Amino acid sequence: MRVFDLKKIWGVIWPYLIFIAVTTIMIFYQLKAGVFTSGADTFFHSARFYDAAMQIKNHNFSPFQSNYGFQQSGRVINALYGPAFAYLNGLILLITKTWFNYQIFTDYFICLLGAGTMMYLLQYVKINKPLSVLLSILYINIGMIPSYLNSHTFNGWGQAWMPLVLLCGVRMIKDKKKPINWIQLMVVMSVIIQVHILSTLMAIALLIPFFIICLYINKNNKKIWIDLFKAILGTICLTANVWGAYITLYSSNKLATPDAYDLRMGGVQLGGYKGYLGTYGTVSGHILPIILFLIILQLIFIIRNFKQNLVNTTVTIYGLFILAIASVYFPWGVVQRIFPFTESLFQFPYRLTVIAYPLLILGIGLTIQLNFVQVNWKKYVSFIFVGLALIESIVSTIRTTHYFSSYDTVSATVQRASKDTDLSKIFKNKVYGRQSDYLSVSKNYVPGKMNNLYRKKVIEKQKYYKHFVDHNRLILTWNVKSNKRVTLPLVMYSQSELIVNGKHFNGKKNSVGSPIVLQRKGINNAILSFKVPTYFYVLLWITIISWIILLVFCLYKVGLKFTK
């Protein structure tokens, strides 16, 4: 029987105790003020997770139709936007009981995940633990993770998971015997697909150069392709529900795209010390001066020592390349003229820091570890610069949190509702979820007008109807004094089935998919349901069974290791 090694256990625990302490400092002002912070997408994601939470609580599972969230309009969101992660957040919301508790819990969760995955990556390339801990703390204080803490930008979860994607890439050029661990690659990619599709696209972009180098080093070895196809096939099984949802909806509906933004305005730029420092390096995509200087020093070192270490050279050059693309100096105006869809698909170029920063942090760590092993002035200088960058980034995060917790809070009614165990109250005090993402629209729809139309036809009208949920069906009732045509505050898709006063609806819909019906004098009722194709349930069960098999396999491996 294995004897527990307390020293080894402490070696695992102490970095996470530091990460918890640092996270507490990062969000100190929010904890002190006890406020619910809000960004542009906060209520959009809150509505997703509330819908998932209520499905779990009431055992009324509906993989497509939103029966509780989004004004109980029947919109389809979670099926296309990180379905498994939505249900996980719904479960966390039920456990934490209030929105404020949920927000604080996920703040710690994302910071521990981001710092933990970065430390695991740095340890994989043999960087000592103290330096790994320092760089991991730096990592969670730059880019999209601090942005999540204050404005709940979902790319933060992509950044928190990206070090494990990079680890798969580093392995491709570092491990000569097994450059692709197909189970590892399969799990890493499957998780990120279940969390955030845009981050998935970035993860694929991150891996491409490593795979090309891997093929070159191993002379296009057939085993590499076999392991890659194993990983792809396994990922398809573990995420079959996601692809099934996309096939179901996009094959027979025209769906509204996310809001479009001018890409020229969303690039990374240098932050200064004018105005309030809090946004620099966090919510507005600025890069902090000392961190930029540290990156420049890393570039100079690689130029002078180009052939010293393939991993260091690769991650540094590729990281700088991605950072340059993410900057305001890249010709994004030309890109969006040639490819207009990028304005809504990509929205903000600074999101590319999700892959640029892990690459550059890894490069900086390798440079320090490989070249300053001996205690000398170079090692002291390198640690001083890392320390200054760390202080600068933490101060930036603290000031950002202070700003959002003191000056950019939502209404007092929302603050009271965020501490109420009735999770629905927060939506009654705030016009939320105006984004028109994934609405079923007409072929000639104008993207810029969808948000306004959805607000007028659904958000502002839903209060005049009573909503009920019966299993996976959404029921509306209302009482009127005359017969006339009205637009119901519902959203329909080609798979939606609507019964109004006992009759199947097959009439006209407006631009956002809301049905225009003839109401009768007295009490009216409408029943909305979504016809889920049989093949989707087959794919859903493939996903569930695949994860169960994977879990059993992992437990078996852990059991074998523990009994040795």
Protein backbone atom coordinates (compact mmCIF):
# COMPACT_ATOMS: atom_id res chain seq x y z
CA MET A 1 0.00 0.00 0.00
CA ARG A 2 1.33 3.43 -0.94
CA VAL A 3 2.45 5.67 1.97
CA PHE A 4 1.46 9.32 1.59
CA ASP A 5 4.47 11.60 1.12
CA LEU A 6 3.55 14.78 3.02
CA LYS A 7 6.41 16.71 1.47
CA LYS A 8 5.21 15.79 -2.01
CA ILE A 9 1.61 16.68 -1.15
CA TRP A 10 2.75 20.07 0.21
CA GLY A 11 4.67 20.61 -3.02
CA VAL A 12 1.41 20.26 -4.92
CA ILE A 13 -0.68 22.37 -2.53
CA TRP A 14 1.43 25.45 -1.80
CA PRO A 15 1.29 26.99 -5.31
CA TYR A 16 -2.53 26.84 -5.24
CA LEU A 17 -2.64 28.47 -1.82
CA ILE A 18 -0.62 31.32 -3.33
CA PHE A 19 -2.97 31.45 -6.35
CA ILE A 20 -5.97 31.68 -3.99
CA ALA A 21 -4.30 34.48 -2.02
CA VAL A 22 -3.41 36.40 -5.19
CA THR A 23 -6.92 35.98 -6.59
CA THR A 24 -8.30 37.38 -3.33
CA ILE A 25 -6.08 40.43 -3.77
CA MET A 26 -7.15 40.77 -7.42
CA ILE A 27 -10.86 40.88 -6.54
CA PHE A 28 -10.46 42.48 -3.09
CA TYR A 29 -12.46 45.59 -3.94
CA GLN A 30 -15.38 43.56 -5.24
CA LEU A 31 -15.34 41.43 -2.10
CA LYS A 32 -15.13 44.55 0.05
CA ALA A 33 -17.95 46.34 -1.77
CA GLY A 34 -20.02 43.17 -2.11
CA VAL A 35 -21.23 44.16 -5.57
CA PHE A 36 -22.26 42.29 -8.69
CA THR A 37 -20.13 43.60 -11.57
CA SER A 38 -21.44 43.78 -15.11
CA GLY A 39 -20.04 44.07 -18.62
CA ALA A 40 -21.58 44.09 -22.09
CA ASP A 41 -22.16 40.31 -22.13
CA THR A 42 -22.87 39.66 -18.44
CA PHE A 43 -26.63 39.35 -18.69
CA PHE A 44 -26.41 37.40 -21.94
CA HIS A 45 -24.36 34.68 -20.26
CA SER A 46 -26.37 34.97 -17.04
CA ALA A 47 -29.52 34.18 -19.02
CA ARG A 48 -27.82 31.11 -20.55
CA PHE A 49 -26.75 29.76 -17.19
CA TYR A 50 -30.06 30.57 -15.51
CA ASP A 51 -31.87 28.59 -18.20
CA ALA A 52 -29.54 25.62 -17.65
CA ALA A 53 -29.92 25.91 -13.86
CA MET A 54 -33.70 25.87 -14.05
CA GLN A 55 -33.64 22.89 -16.41
CA ILE A 56 -31.58 20.98 -13.86
CA LYS A 57 -33.68 22.12 -10.91
CA ASN A 58 -37.03 21.32 -12.52
CA HIS A 59 -35.86 18.26 -14.48
CA ASN A 60 -37.29 19.89 -17.63
CA PHE A 61 -34.40 19.34 -20.01
CA SER A 62 -34.59 21.10 -23.34
CA PRO A 63 -31.36 20.91 -25.37
CA PHE A 64 -32.46 23.61 -27.82
CA GLN A 65 -35.36 25.79 -26.71
CA SER A 66 -34.75 28.29 -23.87
CA ASN A 67 -37.83 27.95 -21.67
CA TYR A 68 -36.55 29.87 -18.64
CA GLY A 69 -33.93 32.33 -19.86
CA PHE A 70 -34.03 35.08 -22.47
CA GLN A 71 -37.47 36.41 -21.53
CA GLN A 72 -38.81 32.84 -21.88
CA SER A 73 -38.91 33.44 -25.61
CA GLY A 74 -37.88 30.00 -26.84
CA ARG A 75 -34.57 31.21 -28.28
CA VAL A 76 -31.84 28.69 -29.05
CA ILE A 77 -28.54 29.68 -27.43
CA ASN A 78 -26.89 27.01 -25.29
CA ALA A 79 -27.07 24.30 -27.97
CA LEU A 80 -24.68 26.38 -30.09
CA TYR A 81 -22.65 28.10 -27.38
CA GLY A 82 -20.72 25.73 -25.11
CA PRO A 83 -23.60 23.42 -24.11
CA ALA A 84 -21.77 21.26 -21.55
CA PHE A 85 -20.15 24.30 -19.94
CA ALA A 86 -23.54 26.03 -19.76
CA TYR A 87 -24.95 23.13 -17.72
CA LEU A 88 -21.84 23.12 -15.52
CA ASN A 89 -22.37 26.83 -14.81
CA GLY A 90 -26.04 26.16 -14.18
CA LEU A 91 -25.09 23.55 -11.58
CA ILE A 92 -22.61 25.96 -9.95
CA LEU A 93 -25.34 28.62 -9.85
CA LEU A 94 -27.70 26.24 -8.03
CA ILE A 95 -24.99 25.28 -5.53
CA THR A 96 -23.87 28.87 -4.82
CA LYS A 97 -27.55 29.95 -4.55
CA THR A 98 -27.09 33.66 -5.47
CA TRP A 99 -25.66 35.53 -8.44
CA PHE A 100 -23.10 37.34 -6.29
CA ASN A 101 -21.83 34.07 -4.81
CA TYR A 102 -21.72 32.56 -8.29
CA GLN A 103 -19.67 35.47 -9.59
CA ILE A 104 -17.12 35.25 -6.78
CA PHE A 105 -16.87 31.46 -7.11
CA THR A 106 -16.20 31.62 -10.85
CA ASP A 107 -13.64 34.40 -10.31
CA TYR A 108 -11.63 32.00 -8.17
CA PHE A 109 -12.36 29.12 -10.55
CA ILE A 110 -11.02 30.88 -13.67
CA CYS A 111 -7.91 32.19 -11.89
CA LEU A 112 -7.05 28.80 -10.38
CA LEU A 113 -7.66 27.12 -13.74
CA GLY A 114 -5.56 29.65 -15.67
CA ALA A 115 -2.69 29.67 -13.17
CA GLY A 116 -2.83 25.90 -12.73
CA THR A 117 -2.73 25.08 -16.44
CA MET A 118 0.08 27.57 -17.07
CA MET A 119 2.11 26.15 -14.18
CA TYR A 120 1.54 22.62 -15.53
CA LEU A 121 2.82 23.72 -18.95
CA LEU A 122 5.90 25.41 -17.46
CA GLN A 123 6.66 22.38 -15.32
CA TYR A 124 6.38 20.15 -18.41
CA VAL A 125 9.30 22.01 -20.02
CA LYS A 126 11.31 21.70 -16.77
CA ILE A 127 11.00 25.26 -15.51
CA ASN A 128 11.52 25.33 -11.74
CA LYS A 129 8.45 25.66 -9.55
CA PRO A 130 9.08 29.12 -7.98
CA LEU A 131 9.55 30.69 -11.43
CA SER A 132 6.57 28.74 -12.76
CA VAL A 133 4.39 30.12 -9.96
CA LEU A 134 5.51 33.72 -10.61
CA LEU A 135 4.87 33.47 -14.36
CA SER A 136 1.52 31.78 -13.76
CA ILE A 137 0.42 34.68 -11.54
CA LEU A 138 1.56 37.09 -14.26
CA TYR A 139 -0.45 35.10 -16.81
CA ILE A 140 -3.77 35.46 -14.97
CA ASN A 141 -3.26 39.21 -14.67
CA ILE A 142 -2.94 39.96 -18.38
CA GLY A 143 -5.23 39.47 -21.34
CA MET A 144 -8.75 38.14 -21.15
CA ILE A 145 -8.77 36.57 -17.67
CA PRO A 146 -8.82 39.97 -15.86
CA SER A 147 -11.42 41.01 -18.42
CA TYR A 148 -13.60 38.11 -17.28
CA LEU A 149 -13.26 39.15 -13.63
CA ASN A 150 -14.73 42.56 -14.36
CA SER A 151 -16.83 42.36 -17.51
CA HIS A 152 -17.29 38.58 -17.91
CA THR A 153 -15.75 38.34 -21.36
CA PHE A 154 -16.05 34.67 -22.21
CA ASN A 155 -12.70 34.48 -23.99
CA GLY A 156 -11.21 34.45 -20.50
CA TRP A 157 -12.16 30.78 -20.20
CA GLY A 158 -10.36 30.13 -23.47
CA GLN A 159 -7.23 31.79 -22.11
CA ALA A 160 -7.48 29.79 -18.88
CA TRP A 161 -7.51 26.51 -20.84
CA MET A 162 -5.08 27.50 -23.63
CA PRO A 163 -1.84 26.47 -21.84
CA LEU A 164 -2.97 22.84 -22.11
CA VAL A 165 -3.51 23.31 -25.85
CA LEU A 166 -0.01 24.78 -26.08
CA LEU A 167 1.34 21.83 -24.10
CA CYS A 168 0.02 19.52 -26.84
CA GLY A 169 1.81 21.71 -29.38
CA VAL A 170 5.09 21.76 -27.46
CA ARG A 171 4.92 17.99 -27.12
CA MET A 172 4.74 17.69 -30.92
CA ILE A 173 8.24 19.13 -31.29
CA LYS A 174 9.76 18.09 -27.97
CA ASP A 175 8.72 14.44 -27.54
CA LYS A 176 10.53 12.35 -30.15
CA LYS A 177 8.99 9.03 -29.08
CA LYS A 178 5.34 10.11 -28.89
CA PRO A 179 4.88 13.59 -30.37
CA ILE A 180 1.08 13.26 -30.33
CA ASN A 181 -0.56 11.78 -27.30
CA TRP A 182 -3.91 11.34 -28.99
CA ILE A 183 -5.88 10.88 -25.77
CA GLN A 184 -4.41 14.06 -24.31
CA LEU A 185 -5.03 16.07 -27.48
CA MET A 186 -8.55 14.64 -27.79
CA VAL A 187 -9.53 15.60 -24.23
CA VAL A 188 -8.01 19.09 -24.40
CA MET A 189 -9.75 19.95 -27.67
CA SER A 190 -13.05 18.36 -26.62
CA VAL A 191 -13.22 20.43 -23.45
CA ILE A 192 -12.55 23.71 -25.24
CA ILE A 193 -15.19 22.90 -27.88
CA GLN A 194 -17.73 22.31 -25.10
CA VAL A 195 -16.77 25.70 -23.61
CA HIS A 196 -16.30 28.22 -26.43
CA ILE A 197 -16.26 27.76 -30.21
CA LEU A 198 -14.22 30.91 -30.97
CA SER A 199 -11.53 29.78 -28.54
CA THR A 200 -11.59 26.42 -30.36
CA LEU A 201 -10.71 28.14 -33.63
CA MET A 202 -7.86 29.92 -31.86
CA ALA A 203 -6.66 26.63 -30.36
CA ILE A 204 -6.50 25.08 -33.84
CA ALA A 205 -4.56 28.12 -35.10
CA LEU A 206 -2.18 27.71 -32.17
CA LEU A 207 -1.42 24.08 -32.99
CA ILE A 208 -0.87 24.41 -36.76
CA PRO A 209 2.81 25.56 -36.77
CA PHE A 210 3.76 22.97 -34.14
CA PHE A 211 2.19 20.20 -36.21
CA ILE A 212 4.03 21.37 -39.37
CA ILE A 213 7.36 21.38 -37.50
CA CYS A 214 6.48 17.97 -36.04
CA LEU A 215 5.97 16.53 -39.53
CA TYR A 216 9.28 18.01 -40.69
CA ILE A 217 11.25 16.72 -37.69
CA ASN A 218 9.76 13.25 -37.92
CA LYS A 219 9.94 13.11 -41.73
CA ASN A 220 6.17 12.90 -42.16
CA ASN A 221 5.99 9.72 -40.09
CA LYS A 222 2.78 7.76 -40.75
CA LYS A 223 2.25 7.18 -37.01
CA ILE A 224 1.82 10.93 -36.48
CA TRP A 225 -1.10 10.99 -38.92
CA ILE A 226 -2.63 7.89 -37.34
CA ASP A 227 -2.49 9.44 -33.85
CA LEU A 228 -3.90 12.71 -35.22
CA PHE A 229 -6.86 10.94 -36.81
CA LYS A 230 -7.46 9.02 -33.56
CA ALA A 231 -7.59 12.35 -31.71
CA ILE A 232 -9.94 13.86 -34.32
CA LEU A 233 -12.27 10.85 -34.26
CA GLY A 234 -12.32 10.80 -30.45
CA THR A 235 -13.01 14.56 -30.36
CA ILE A 236 -15.91 14.15 -32.79
CA CYS A 237 -17.43 11.53 -30.45
CA LEU A 238 -16.89 13.63 -27.31
CA THR A 239 -18.43 16.72 -28.95
CA ALA A 240 -21.07 15.10 -31.17
CA ASN A 241 -23.80 17.10 -29.43
CA VAL A 242 -22.19 20.37 -30.54
CA TRP A 243 -21.85 19.41 -34.19
CA GLY A 244 -25.33 17.87 -34.11
CA ALA A 245 -26.81 21.15 -32.91
CA TYR A 246 -25.05 23.12 -35.66
CA ILE A 247 -26.25 20.69 -38.32
CA THR A 248 -29.80 20.77 -36.95
CA LEU A 249 -30.13 24.54 -36.95
CA TYR A 250 -27.94 25.76 -39.79
CA SER A 251 -29.25 23.20 -42.27
CA SER A 252 -32.76 24.69 -42.22
CA ASN A 253 -32.50 28.16 -40.65
CA LYS A 254 -30.79 31.43 -41.36
CA LEU A 255 -29.41 32.53 -38.02
CA ALA A 256 -28.48 36.04 -36.96
CA THR A 257 -24.77 36.65 -36.48
CA PRO A 258 -23.28 38.38 -33.41
CA ASP A 259 -22.97 42.17 -33.48
CA ALA A 260 -20.42 43.55 -35.95
CA TYR A 261 -17.59 45.83 -34.80
CA ASP A 262 -14.95 47.85 -36.59
CA LEU A 263 -11.86 45.65 -36.28
CA ARG A 264 -9.58 48.69 -36.56
CA MET A 265 -10.79 49.87 -33.16
CA GLY A 266 -10.28 46.59 -31.29
CA GLY A 267 -6.56 45.96 -31.64
CA VAL A 268 -3.98 45.72 -28.86
CA GLN A 269 -2.30 49.03 -28.11
CA LEU A 270 0.19 50.31 -25.59
CA GLY A 271 -1.30 51.41 -22.28
CA GLY A 272 -0.07 54.55 -20.60
CA TYR A 273 -0.53 56.04 -17.18
CA LYS A 274 -3.06 58.71 -18.08
CA GLY A 275 -6.71 58.38 -17.24
CA TYR A 276 -7.54 55.47 -14.98
CA LEU A 277 -4.89 52.79 -15.19
CA GLY A 278 -7.37 50.03 -14.49
CA THR A 279 -8.35 49.28 -18.07
CA TYR A 280 -4.80 48.97 -19.36
CA GLY A 281 -3.90 45.37 -20.02
CA THR A 282 -7.37 44.16 -19.14
CA VAL A 283 -10.81 45.07 -20.46
CA SER A 284 -9.73 47.39 -23.26
CA GLY A 285 -6.99 45.26 -24.80
CA HIS A 286 -4.04 47.44 -23.81
CA ILE A 287 -0.61 46.00 -23.15
CA LEU A 288 1.30 47.26 -20.14
CA PRO A 289 4.65 49.05 -20.74
CA ILE A 290 6.89 46.83 -18.60
CA ILE A 291 5.31 43.66 -20.01
CA LEU A 292 5.92 44.96 -23.54
CA PHE A 293 9.53 45.75 -22.59
CA LEU A 294 9.93 42.21 -21.23
CA ILE A 295 8.61 40.83 -24.53
CA ILE A 296 11.05 43.00 -26.48
CA LEU A 297 13.95 41.68 -24.37
CA GLN A 298 12.75 38.16 -25.14
CA LEU A 299 12.79 38.95 -28.87
CA ILE A 300 16.33 40.35 -28.67
CA PHE A 301 17.50 37.24 -26.87
CA ILE A 302 15.96 34.92 -29.48
CA ILE A 303 17.52 36.89 -32.35
CA ARG A 304 20.93 36.50 -30.74
CA ASN A 305 20.37 32.84 -29.78
CA PHE A 306 18.16 31.66 -32.61
CA LYS A 307 19.35 28.04 -32.63
CA GLN A 308 19.70 27.49 -28.89
CA ASN A 309 16.30 25.89 -28.22
CA LEU A 310 13.68 24.99 -30.83
CA VAL A 311 10.72 25.27 -28.44
CA ASN A 312 11.80 28.71 -27.17
CA THR A 313 12.44 30.03 -30.67
CA THR A 314 9.14 28.68 -31.98
CA VAL A 315 6.90 29.98 -29.19
CA THR A 316 8.58 33.40 -29.15
CA ILE A 317 8.44 34.03 -32.89
CA TYR A 318 4.89 32.71 -33.22
CA GLY A 319 3.75 34.59 -30.11
CA LEU A 320 5.14 37.87 -31.47
CA PHE A 321 3.58 37.16 -34.86
CA ILE A 322 0.15 36.67 -33.27
CA LEU A 323 0.60 39.74 -31.05
CA ALA A 324 1.45 41.82 -34.12
CA ILE A 325 -1.71 40.60 -35.87
CA ALA A 326 -3.72 41.42 -32.74
CA SER A 327 -2.38 45.00 -32.63
CA VAL A 328 -3.92 48.20 -33.96
CA TYR A 329 -1.06 48.41 -36.47
CA PHE A 330 -2.25 45.39 -38.44
CA PRO A 331 -4.31 46.40 -41.53
CA TRP A 332 -7.64 45.25 -40.15
CA GLY A 333 -9.44 47.77 -42.32
CA VAL A 334 -8.32 45.86 -45.42
CA VAL A 335 -9.24 42.52 -43.84
CA GLN A 336 -12.80 43.55 -43.02
CA ARG A 337 -13.32 45.03 -46.50
CA ILE A 338 -12.26 41.76 -48.15
CA PHE A 339 -13.88 39.50 -45.53
CA PRO A 340 -16.85 41.39 -44.02
CA PHE A 341 -17.93 38.38 -41.95
CA THR A 342 -14.89 38.88 -39.69
CA GLU A 343 -16.55 41.96 -38.19
CA SER A 344 -19.16 39.78 -36.47
CA LEU A 345 -17.23 36.50 -36.20
CA PHE A 346 -14.10 38.00 -34.66
CA GLN A 347 -15.24 41.45 -33.42
CA PHE A 348 -12.09 42.37 -31.47
CA PRO A 349 -8.53 41.52 -32.65
CA TYR A 350 -7.17 41.80 -29.11
CA ARG A 351 -8.88 38.46 -28.45
CA LEU A 352 -5.84 36.90 -30.13
CA THR A 353 -3.91 37.56 -26.92
CA VAL A 354 -5.61 34.35 -25.77
CA ILE A 355 -2.95 32.50 -27.79
CA ALA A 356 -0.21 35.16 -27.92
CA TYR A 357 0.27 35.49 -24.16
CA PRO A 358 0.71 31.79 -23.29
CA LEU A 359 3.29 31.51 -26.09
CA LEU A 360 5.24 34.52 -24.86
CA ILE A 361 5.03 33.63 -21.17
CA LEU A 362 6.40 30.19 -21.99
CA GLY A 363 9.22 31.76 -24.03
CA ILE A 364 10.19 34.11 -21.20
CA GLY A 365 10.22 31.22 -18.75
CA LEU A 366 12.42 29.09 -21.01
CA THR A 367 14.89 31.93 -21.53
CA ILE A 368 15.32 32.46 -17.79
CA GLN A 369 15.50 28.75 -16.99
CA LEU A 370 17.88 27.75 -19.79
CA ASN A 371 20.32 30.65 -19.57
CA PHE A 372 20.40 31.89 -16.01
CA VAL A 373 20.81 28.68 -14.04
CA GLN A 374 23.77 30.03 -12.11
CA VAL A 375 23.14 32.76 -9.57
CA ASN A 376 24.62 35.85 -11.24
CA TRP A 377 23.65 39.39 -12.18
CA LYS A 378 21.76 38.22 -15.30
CA LYS A 379 19.53 35.98 -13.24
CA TYR A 380 18.87 38.77 -10.74
CA VAL A 381 18.02 41.20 -13.55
CA SER A 382 15.67 38.74 -15.21
CA PHE A 383 13.81 38.13 -11.96
CA ILE A 384 13.64 41.87 -11.30
CA PHE A 385 11.94 42.46 -14.66
CA VAL A 386 9.52 39.57 -14.11
CA GLY A 387 8.79 40.95 -10.65
CA LEU A 388 8.17 44.46 -12.01
CA ALA A 389 5.87 43.09 -14.72
CA LEU A 390 4.06 41.06 -12.09
CA ILE A 391 3.55 44.06 -9.82
CA GLU A 392 2.43 46.21 -12.75
CA SER A 393 -0.12 43.65 -13.91
CA ILE A 394 -1.54 42.96 -10.43
CA VAL A 395 -1.89 46.70 -9.75
CA SER A 396 -3.69 47.05 -13.08
CA THR A 397 -6.12 44.25 -12.17
CA ILE A 398 -6.74 45.67 -8.69
CA ARG A 399 -7.45 49.14 -10.07
CA THR A 400 -9.75 47.73 -12.73
CA THR A 401 -11.66 45.80 -10.09
CA HIS A 402 -11.86 48.93 -7.96
CA TYR A 403 -13.26 50.91 -10.90
CA PHE A 404 -15.91 48.33 -11.81
CA SER A 405 -16.84 47.80 -8.17
CA SER A 406 -17.14 51.50 -7.37
CA TYR A 407 -18.10 53.48 -10.49
CA ASP A 408 -19.44 51.09 -13.11
CA THR A 409 -21.95 49.10 -11.10
CA VAL A 410 -25.43 48.36 -12.36
CA SER A 411 -28.58 49.57 -10.58
CA ALA A 412 -29.26 49.16 -6.86
CA THR A 413 -32.20 46.86 -7.67
CA VAL A 414 -29.84 44.51 -9.53
CA GLN A 415 -27.41 44.61 -6.61
CA ARG A 416 -30.17 43.57 -4.22
CA ALA A 417 -31.36 40.87 -6.61
CA SER A 418 -27.82 39.48 -6.96
CA LYS A 419 -27.91 38.46 -3.30
CA ASP A 420 -31.42 37.02 -3.43
CA THR A 421 -31.89 33.26 -3.63
CA ASP A 422 -34.66 33.85 -6.18
CA LEU A 423 -32.38 33.75 -9.21
CA SER A 424 -35.01 35.18 -11.54
CA LYS A 425 -35.20 38.55 -9.76
CA ILE A 426 -32.02 39.83 -11.37
CA PHE A 427 -33.71 39.71 -14.77
CA LYS A 428 -36.85 41.50 -13.63
CA ASN A 429 -34.83 44.57 -12.74
CA LYS A 430 -32.71 44.80 -15.86
CA VAL A 431 -33.42 44.82 -19.59
CA TYR A 432 -31.06 42.06 -20.55
CA GLY A 433 -30.10 39.80 -23.42
CA ARG A 434 -30.60 42.36 -26.19
CA GLN A 435 -28.07 40.60 -28.41
CA SER A 436 -29.70 39.01 -31.44
CA ASP A 437 -27.24 36.10 -31.70
CA TYR A 438 -28.72 32.94 -33.26
CA LEU A 439 -32.20 34.33 -33.88
CA SER A 440 -33.92 32.75 -36.88
CA VAL A 441 -34.16 35.63 -39.32
CA SER A 442 -35.37 36.31 -42.84
CA LYS A 443 -32.97 36.19 -45.78
CA ASN A 444 -32.90 39.97 -46.21
CA TYR A 445 -32.38 40.88 -42.57
CA VAL A 446 -30.17 43.84 -41.60
CA PRO A 447 -27.78 42.78 -38.79
CA GLY A 448 -27.55 46.23 -37.21
CA LYS A 449 -31.32 46.46 -36.69
CA MET A 450 -31.90 43.06 -35.09
CA ASN A 451 -31.09 44.09 -31.51
CA ASN A 452 -33.59 46.95 -31.63
CA LEU A 453 -36.29 44.82 -33.20
CA TYR A 454 -35.79 42.03 -30.66
CA ARG A 455 -36.02 44.58 -27.85
CA LYS A 456 -39.30 46.00 -29.18
CA LYS A 457 -41.00 42.76 -30.19
CA VAL A 458 -39.87 40.45 -27.39
CA ILE A 459 -38.20 42.14 -24.42
CA GLU A 460 -40.70 44.99 -24.02
CA LYS A 461 -43.76 42.79 -24.68
CA GLN A 462 -43.06 39.71 -22.58
CA LYS A 463 -44.36 41.34 -19.37
CA TYR A 464 -47.92 41.32 -20.78
CA TYR A 465 -48.02 37.52 -20.89
CA LYS A 466 -47.92 34.79 -18.28
CA HIS A 467 -45.30 32.13 -18.89
CA PHE A 468 -45.38 28.48 -17.81
CA VAL A 469 -43.12 25.52 -18.55
CA ASP A 470 -44.53 22.03 -19.00
CA HIS A 471 -41.70 19.54 -19.52
CA ASN A 472 -39.96 20.91 -22.63
CA ARG A 473 -42.90 23.03 -23.77
CA LEU A 474 -43.28 26.77 -23.22
CA ILE A 475 -46.83 27.99 -22.53
CA LEU A 476 -48.06 31.59 -22.82
CA THR A 477 -51.46 32.80 -21.64
CA TRP A 478 -53.02 36.25 -21.94
CA ASN A 479 -56.45 37.87 -21.60
CA VAL A 480 -57.73 40.50 -24.06
CA LYS A 481 -60.95 42.38 -24.78
CA SER A 482 -60.97 42.19 -28.58
CA ASN A 483 -60.02 40.08 -31.59
CA LYS A 484 -56.94 41.33 -33.43
CA ARG A 485 -53.56 40.30 -34.78
CA VAL A 486 -50.63 40.47 -32.37
CA THR A 487 -46.98 39.52 -32.41
CA LEU A 488 -46.19 37.07 -29.62
CA PRO A 489 -42.94 37.61 -27.68
CA LEU A 490 -41.61 34.26 -28.89
CA VAL A 491 -38.88 33.20 -31.28
CA MET A 492 -39.48 30.39 -33.76
CA TYR A 493 -37.21 28.25 -35.90
CA SER A 494 -38.04 25.86 -38.73
CA GLN A 495 -38.18 23.06 -36.12
CA SER A 496 -40.46 25.06 -33.79
CA GLU A 497 -44.07 24.03 -33.40
CA LEU A 498 -46.62 26.54 -32.13
CA ILE A 499 -50.19 25.77 -31.12
CA VAL A 500 -52.40 28.85 -30.58
CA ASN A 501 -55.76 28.26 -28.96
CA GLY A 502 -55.67 24.62 -30.01
CA LYS A 503 -54.72 25.23 -33.64
CA HIS A 504 -51.33 24.69 -35.27
CA PHE A 505 -49.74 27.96 -36.33
CA ASN A 506 -48.43 28.22 -39.90
CA GLY A 507 -48.79 31.94 -40.46
CA LYS A 508 -46.37 34.83 -40.88
CA LYS A 509 -43.42 35.70 -38.67
CA ASN A 510 -41.57 38.98 -38.34
CA SER A 511 -37.86 39.57 -39.02
CA VAL A 512 -36.69 38.01 -35.75
CA GLY A 513 -38.92 34.93 -36.06
CA SER A 514 -41.75 36.09 -33.78
CA PRO A 515 -45.17 34.69 -34.83
CA ILE A 516 -47.98 37.06 -35.81
CA VAL A 517 -51.21 35.43 -34.59
CA LEU A 518 -54.93 36.22 -34.41
CA GLN A 519 -55.97 36.49 -30.78
CA ARG A 520 -59.55 36.07 -29.65
CA LYS A 521 -61.53 37.94 -27.05
CA GLY A 522 -60.99 36.45 -23.60
CA ILE A 523 -58.26 34.05 -22.48
CA ASN A 524 -55.72 32.93 -25.09
CA ASN A 525 -52.94 30.42 -24.87
CA ALA A 526 -49.96 29.47 -27.02
CA ILE A 527 -47.78 26.38 -26.67
CA LEU A 528 -44.28 26.47 -28.17
CA SER A 529 -42.10 23.38 -28.56
CA PHE A 530 -39.01 22.42 -30.55
CA LYS A 531 -39.00 19.24 -32.64
CA VAL A 532 -35.61 17.73 -31.95
CA PRO A 533 -34.58 15.33 -34.75
CA THR A 534 -33.89 11.74 -33.73
CA TYR A 535 -30.33 11.85 -35.04
CA PHE A 536 -29.50 14.60 -32.54
CA TYR A 537 -30.47 12.37 -29.60
CA VAL A 538 -28.29 9.64 -31.11
CA LEU A 539 -25.37 12.10 -31.24
CA LEU A 540 -26.12 13.30 -27.72
CA TRP A 541 -25.96 9.74 -26.38
CA ILE A 542 -22.72 9.14 -28.30
CA THR A 543 -21.31 12.18 -26.48
CA ILE A 544 -22.50 11.05 -23.04
CA ILE A 545 -21.31 7.45 -23.47
CA SER A 546 -17.95 8.63 -24.83
CA TRP A 547 -17.34 10.81 -21.76
CA ILE A 548 -18.35 7.95 -19.45
CA ILE A 549 -15.92 5.58 -21.19
CA LEU A 550 -13.18 8.21 -20.94
CA LEU A 551 -13.87 8.76 -17.24
CA VAL A 552 -13.79 5.03 -16.50
CA PHE A 553 -10.53 4.70 -18.44
CA CYS A 554 -8.94 7.59 -16.51
CA LEU A 555 -10.06 6.16 -13.15
CA TYR A 556 -8.62 2.78 -14.15
CA LYS A 557 -5.28 4.40 -15.03
CA VAL A 558 -5.21 6.35 -11.77
CA GLY A 559 -6.05 3.19 -9.84
CA LEU A 560 -3.19 1.31 -11.48
CA LYS A 561 -0.78 4.12 -10.70
CA PHE A 562 -1.93 4.36 -7.09
CA THR A 563 -1.57 0.61 -6.41
CA LYS A 564 1.96 0.37 -7.79
